[in-house]
Amino acid sequence: DVKSDLLDNLSLKNPQHLEVLSTKPTRFYVGNRDETVSTRHCFEVVHGLAETNAKSFRSPPHEMVMYCSLGKGGHGTPVDIFKDGARWILTKMNLRNKK
């Protein structure tokens, strides 16, 4: 199945993918009971990234922001969460959020 092969190739369970991302600042947003993405799987990815280069970084640059799940499957995202993510990206790019 082509879709399964594509998902396997994109998987963050692939050690090579974790190694590439492990040195990059990352932030994951997930609901506390997200059944679509799976809150537990999201945590496992963040933890895997942190563990990949734990010896190289005193505090690995990976964050997980958890908020109350909304909507179908707990996968709804409030506007505030999108805005927070956008501000985080702007900060990482050394840009200012002009209002």
N, C-alpha and C. Protein backbone atom coordinates (compact mmCIF):
# COMPACT_ATOMS: atom_id res chain seq x y z
N ASP A 1 0.84 -1.18 0.00
CA ASP A 1 0.00 0.00 0.00
C ASP A 1 0.89 1.25 0.00
N VAL A 2 0.71 2.11 -0.99
CA VAL A 2 1.53 3.31 -1.15
C VAL A 2 1.41 4.24 0.05
N LYS A 3 0.18 4.41 0.57
CA LYS A 3 -0.02 5.30 1.72
C LYS A 3 0.75 4.81 2.94
N SER A 4 0.72 3.51 3.20
CA SER A 4 1.46 2.94 4.33
C SER A 4 2.96 3.14 4.16
N ASP A 5 3.47 2.92 2.95
CA ASP A 5 4.90 3.12 2.70
C ASP A 5 5.30 4.57 2.94
N LEU A 6 4.47 5.51 2.50
CA LEU A 6 4.76 6.93 2.68
C LEU A 6 4.79 7.27 4.17
N LEU A 7 3.79 6.80 4.91
CA LEU A 7 3.75 7.08 6.34
C LEU A 7 4.94 6.46 7.06
N ASP A 8 5.33 5.25 6.66
CA ASP A 8 6.51 4.61 7.26
C ASP A 8 7.77 5.43 7.00
N ASN A 9 7.89 5.98 5.79
CA ASN A 9 9.06 6.79 5.44
C ASN A 9 9.10 8.11 6.19
N LEU A 10 7.93 8.63 6.58
CA LEU A 10 7.87 9.89 7.30
C LEU A 10 7.89 9.70 8.82
N SER A 11 7.85 8.47 9.26
CA SER A 11 7.71 8.17 10.68
C SER A 11 8.84 8.75 11.52
N LEU A 12 8.47 9.34 12.65
CA LEU A 12 9.47 9.82 13.59
C LEU A 12 10.00 8.70 14.46
N LYS A 13 9.48 7.48 14.26
CA LYS A 13 10.04 6.33 14.96
C LYS A 13 11.32 5.85 14.25
N ASN A 14 11.54 6.37 13.05
CA ASN A 14 12.75 6.05 12.30
C ASN A 14 13.94 6.74 12.98
N PRO A 15 14.93 5.97 13.46
CA PRO A 15 16.07 6.58 14.17
C PRO A 15 16.79 7.67 13.38
N GLN A 16 16.86 7.54 12.06
CA GLN A 16 17.53 8.57 11.25
C GLN A 16 16.77 9.88 11.31
N HIS A 17 15.45 9.82 11.30
CA HIS A 17 14.64 11.04 11.38
C HIS A 17 14.80 11.69 12.75
N LEU A 18 14.80 10.88 13.80
CA LEU A 18 14.99 11.41 15.14
C LEU A 18 16.35 12.08 15.27
N GLU A 19 17.35 11.48 14.69
CA GLU A 19 18.71 12.04 14.78
C GLU A 19 18.78 13.40 14.10
N VAL A 20 18.16 13.54 12.93
CA VAL A 20 18.17 14.80 12.20
C VAL A 20 17.45 15.89 13.01
N LEU A 21 16.30 15.56 13.57
CA LEU A 21 15.52 16.54 14.31
C LEU A 21 16.03 16.80 15.72
N SER A 22 16.82 15.88 16.24
CA SER A 22 17.21 15.96 17.65
C SER A 22 18.02 17.21 18.01
N THR A 23 18.70 17.81 17.03
CA THR A 23 19.49 19.00 17.31
C THR A 23 18.74 20.30 16.99
N LYS A 24 17.54 20.16 16.45
CA LYS A 24 16.74 21.34 16.08
C LYS A 24 15.72 21.64 17.17
N PRO A 25 15.50 22.91 17.48
CA PRO A 25 14.45 23.24 18.44
C PRO A 25 13.09 22.81 17.89
N THR A 26 12.34 22.08 18.69
CA THR A 26 11.02 21.64 18.26
C THR A 26 10.01 21.91 19.37
N ARG A 27 8.77 22.11 18.96
CA ARG A 27 7.69 22.28 19.93
C ARG A 27 6.47 21.56 19.37
N PHE A 28 5.88 20.72 20.18
CA PHE A 28 4.71 19.96 19.80
C PHE A 28 3.52 20.42 20.64
N TYR A 29 2.39 20.64 19.99
CA TYR A 29 1.16 21.01 20.67
C TYR A 29 0.20 19.83 20.55
N VAL A 30 -0.40 19.44 21.67
CA VAL A 30 -1.32 18.31 21.63
C VAL A 30 -2.34 18.45 22.75
N GLY A 31 -3.54 17.96 22.48
CA GLY A 31 -4.58 17.96 23.50
C GLY A 31 -4.29 16.88 24.53
N ASN A 32 -4.81 17.05 25.74
CA ASN A 32 -4.52 16.10 26.80
C ASN A 32 -5.20 14.75 26.61
N ARG A 33 -6.09 14.67 25.64
CA ARG A 33 -6.72 13.39 25.31
C ARG A 33 -7.00 13.34 23.80
N ASP A 34 -5.99 13.61 23.03
CA ASP A 34 -6.11 13.61 21.57
C ASP A 34 -6.09 12.17 21.08
N GLU A 35 -7.21 11.73 20.53
CA GLU A 35 -7.31 10.36 20.03
C GLU A 35 -6.91 10.27 18.56
N THR A 36 -6.81 11.40 17.88
CA THR A 36 -6.44 11.40 16.46
C THR A 36 -4.93 11.27 16.31
N VAL A 37 -4.18 12.11 17.01
CA VAL A 37 -2.72 12.06 16.97
C VAL A 37 -2.19 11.10 18.02
N SER A 38 -2.85 11.04 19.14
CA SER A 38 -2.50 10.26 20.32
C SER A 38 -1.52 11.05 21.18
N THR A 39 -2.05 11.50 22.28
CA THR A 39 -1.25 12.27 23.23
C THR A 39 -0.02 11.48 23.66
N ARG A 40 -0.21 10.21 23.94
CA ARG A 40 0.91 9.35 24.38
C ARG A 40 1.98 9.24 23.29
N HIS A 41 1.56 9.05 22.04
CA HIS A 41 2.54 8.94 20.95
C HIS A 41 3.30 10.25 20.75
N CYS A 42 2.60 11.36 20.91
CA CYS A 42 3.26 12.66 20.80
C CYS A 42 4.35 12.77 21.88
N PHE A 43 3.99 12.40 23.10
CA PHE A 43 4.97 12.43 24.18
C PHE A 43 6.16 11.53 23.86
N GLU A 44 5.90 10.34 23.33
CA GLU A 44 6.98 9.41 23.00
C GLU A 44 7.93 10.00 21.96
N VAL A 45 7.38 10.73 20.99
CA VAL A 45 8.23 11.38 19.98
C VAL A 45 9.10 12.45 20.63
N VAL A 46 8.49 13.30 21.45
CA VAL A 46 9.24 14.37 22.12
C VAL A 46 10.33 13.76 23.01
N HIS A 47 9.96 12.76 23.75
CA HIS A 47 10.93 12.09 24.63
C HIS A 47 12.04 11.43 23.81
N GLY A 48 11.68 10.79 22.71
CA GLY A 48 12.68 10.17 21.83
C GLY A 48 13.66 11.20 21.28
N LEU A 49 13.16 12.36 20.89
CA LEU A 49 14.03 13.43 20.39
C LEU A 49 14.99 13.87 21.50
N ALA A 50 14.47 14.05 22.68
CA ALA A 50 15.31 14.51 23.80
C ALA A 50 16.37 13.47 24.15
N GLU A 51 16.00 12.21 24.11
CA GLU A 51 16.93 11.14 24.47
C GLU A 51 18.00 10.90 23.40
N THR A 52 17.68 11.20 22.14
CA THR A 52 18.61 10.93 21.04
C THR A 52 19.96 11.61 21.25
N ASN A 53 19.94 12.85 21.68
CA ASN A 53 21.19 13.57 21.91
C ASN A 53 21.30 14.08 23.34
N ALA A 54 20.78 13.32 24.28
CA ALA A 54 20.80 13.75 25.68
C ALA A 54 22.22 14.00 26.18
N LYS A 55 23.18 13.26 25.66
CA LYS A 55 24.58 13.44 26.10
C LYS A 55 25.19 14.72 25.53
N SER A 56 24.65 15.19 24.40
CA SER A 56 25.18 16.39 23.75
C SER A 56 24.58 17.68 24.31
N PHE A 57 23.38 17.58 24.85
CA PHE A 57 22.68 18.77 25.34
C PHE A 57 22.33 18.59 26.81
N ARG A 58 22.63 19.58 27.59
CA ARG A 58 22.21 19.52 28.99
C ARG A 58 20.69 19.60 29.07
N SER A 59 20.12 20.46 28.25
CA SER A 59 18.67 20.60 28.17
C SER A 59 18.28 20.55 26.70
N PRO A 60 17.92 19.35 26.18
CA PRO A 60 17.58 19.23 24.76
C PRO A 60 16.48 20.21 24.36
N PRO A 61 16.55 20.77 23.14
CA PRO A 61 15.64 21.84 22.72
C PRO A 61 14.26 21.39 22.25
N HIS A 62 13.62 20.52 23.03
CA HIS A 62 12.33 19.98 22.60
C HIS A 62 11.27 20.23 23.67
N GLU A 63 10.12 20.71 23.22
CA GLU A 63 9.03 21.04 24.14
C GLU A 63 7.74 20.38 23.69
N MET A 64 6.89 20.12 24.68
CA MET A 64 5.55 19.63 24.39
C MET A 64 4.58 20.49 25.19
N VAL A 65 3.65 21.12 24.49
CA VAL A 65 2.64 21.96 25.13
C VAL A 65 1.33 21.18 25.08
N MET A 66 0.78 20.90 26.24
CA MET A 66 -0.47 20.15 26.31
C MET A 66 -1.60 21.08 26.77
N TYR A 67 -2.72 20.98 26.08
CA TYR A 67 -3.88 21.80 26.43
C TYR A 67 -5.11 20.89 26.48
N CYS A 68 -6.21 21.41 26.97
CA CYS A 68 -7.44 20.62 27.07
C CYS A 68 -7.93 20.22 25.68
N SER A 69 -8.21 18.94 25.51
CA SER A 69 -8.69 18.44 24.22
C SER A 69 -10.05 19.01 23.89
N LEU A 70 -10.26 19.28 22.62
CA LEU A 70 -11.53 19.83 22.12
C LEU A 70 -12.01 19.02 20.93
N GLY A 71 -13.28 19.08 20.66
CA GLY A 71 -13.84 18.56 19.42
C GLY A 71 -13.73 17.06 19.24
N LYS A 72 -13.99 16.64 18.01
CA LYS A 72 -14.02 15.22 17.65
C LYS A 72 -12.65 14.59 17.86
N GLY A 73 -12.61 13.55 18.64
CA GLY A 73 -11.36 12.84 18.89
C GLY A 73 -10.35 13.65 19.69
N GLY A 74 -10.81 14.76 20.29
CA GLY A 74 -9.90 15.58 21.08
C GLY A 74 -8.86 16.29 20.25
N HIS A 75 -9.12 16.44 18.95
CA HIS A 75 -8.12 16.97 18.02
C HIS A 75 -8.36 18.43 17.65
N GLY A 76 -9.37 19.07 18.23
CA GLY A 76 -9.63 20.48 17.93
C GLY A 76 -8.55 21.37 18.53
N THR A 77 -8.27 22.46 17.86
CA THR A 77 -7.22 23.37 18.34
C THR A 77 -7.77 24.78 18.46
N PRO A 78 -7.71 25.37 19.66
CA PRO A 78 -8.16 26.74 19.83
C PRO A 78 -7.24 27.73 19.11
N VAL A 79 -7.79 28.86 18.71
CA VAL A 79 -7.02 29.89 18.01
C VAL A 79 -5.80 30.31 18.83
N ASP A 80 -5.93 30.40 20.14
CA ASP A 80 -4.81 30.81 21.00
C ASP A 80 -3.58 29.91 20.80
N ILE A 81 -3.83 28.63 20.58
CA ILE A 81 -2.72 27.67 20.40
C ILE A 81 -1.99 27.96 19.09
N PHE A 82 -2.74 28.24 18.03
CA PHE A 82 -2.11 28.59 16.75
C PHE A 82 -1.28 29.87 16.89
N LYS A 83 -1.83 30.85 17.60
CA LYS A 83 -1.11 32.11 17.81
C LYS A 83 0.16 31.87 18.61
N ASP A 84 0.09 31.04 19.64
CA ASP A 84 1.27 30.72 20.45
C ASP A 84 2.34 30.06 19.58
N GLY A 85 1.93 29.14 18.74
CA GLY A 85 2.88 28.48 17.84
C GLY A 85 3.52 29.45 16.87
N ALA A 86 2.73 30.37 16.34
CA ALA A 86 3.26 31.38 15.42
C ALA A 86 4.27 32.28 16.13
N ARG A 87 3.95 32.69 17.37
CA ARG A 87 4.90 33.52 18.13
C ARG A 87 6.19 32.76 18.40
N TRP A 88 6.09 31.47 18.70
CA TRP A 88 7.28 30.66 18.96
C TRP A 88 8.17 30.60 17.71
N ILE A 89 7.54 30.39 16.56
CA ILE A 89 8.29 30.33 15.30
C ILE A 89 8.97 31.67 15.03
N LEU A 90 8.25 32.76 15.22
CA LEU A 90 8.83 34.10 15.01
C LEU A 90 10.04 34.31 15.92
N THR A 91 9.92 33.87 17.17
CA THR A 91 11.04 33.99 18.12
C THR A 91 12.24 33.20 17.63
N LYS A 92 12.00 31.98 17.17
CA LYS A 92 13.10 31.13 16.69
C LYS A 92 13.75 31.70 15.43
N MET A 93 12.97 32.46 14.66
CA MET A 93 13.51 33.07 13.44
C MET A 93 14.08 34.46 13.71
N ASN A 94 14.08 34.86 14.99
CA ASN A 94 14.55 36.19 15.38
C ASN A 94 13.76 37.31 14.71
N LEU A 95 12.47 37.10 14.55
CA LEU A 95 11.57 38.12 13.99
C LEU A 95 10.67 38.60 15.12
N ARG A 96 10.18 39.79 14.98
CA ARG A 96 9.29 40.33 16.00
C ARG A 96 7.85 40.20 15.52
N ASN A 97 6.98 39.92 16.45
CA ASN A 97 5.56 39.83 16.14
C ASN A 97 4.97 41.24 16.17
N LYS A 98 4.83 41.84 14.99
CA LYS A 98 4.29 43.20 14.88
C LYS A 98 2.77 43.13 14.87
N LYS A 99 2.15 43.86 15.79
CA LYS A 99 0.69 43.84 15.87
C LYS A 99 0.10 45.02 15.13
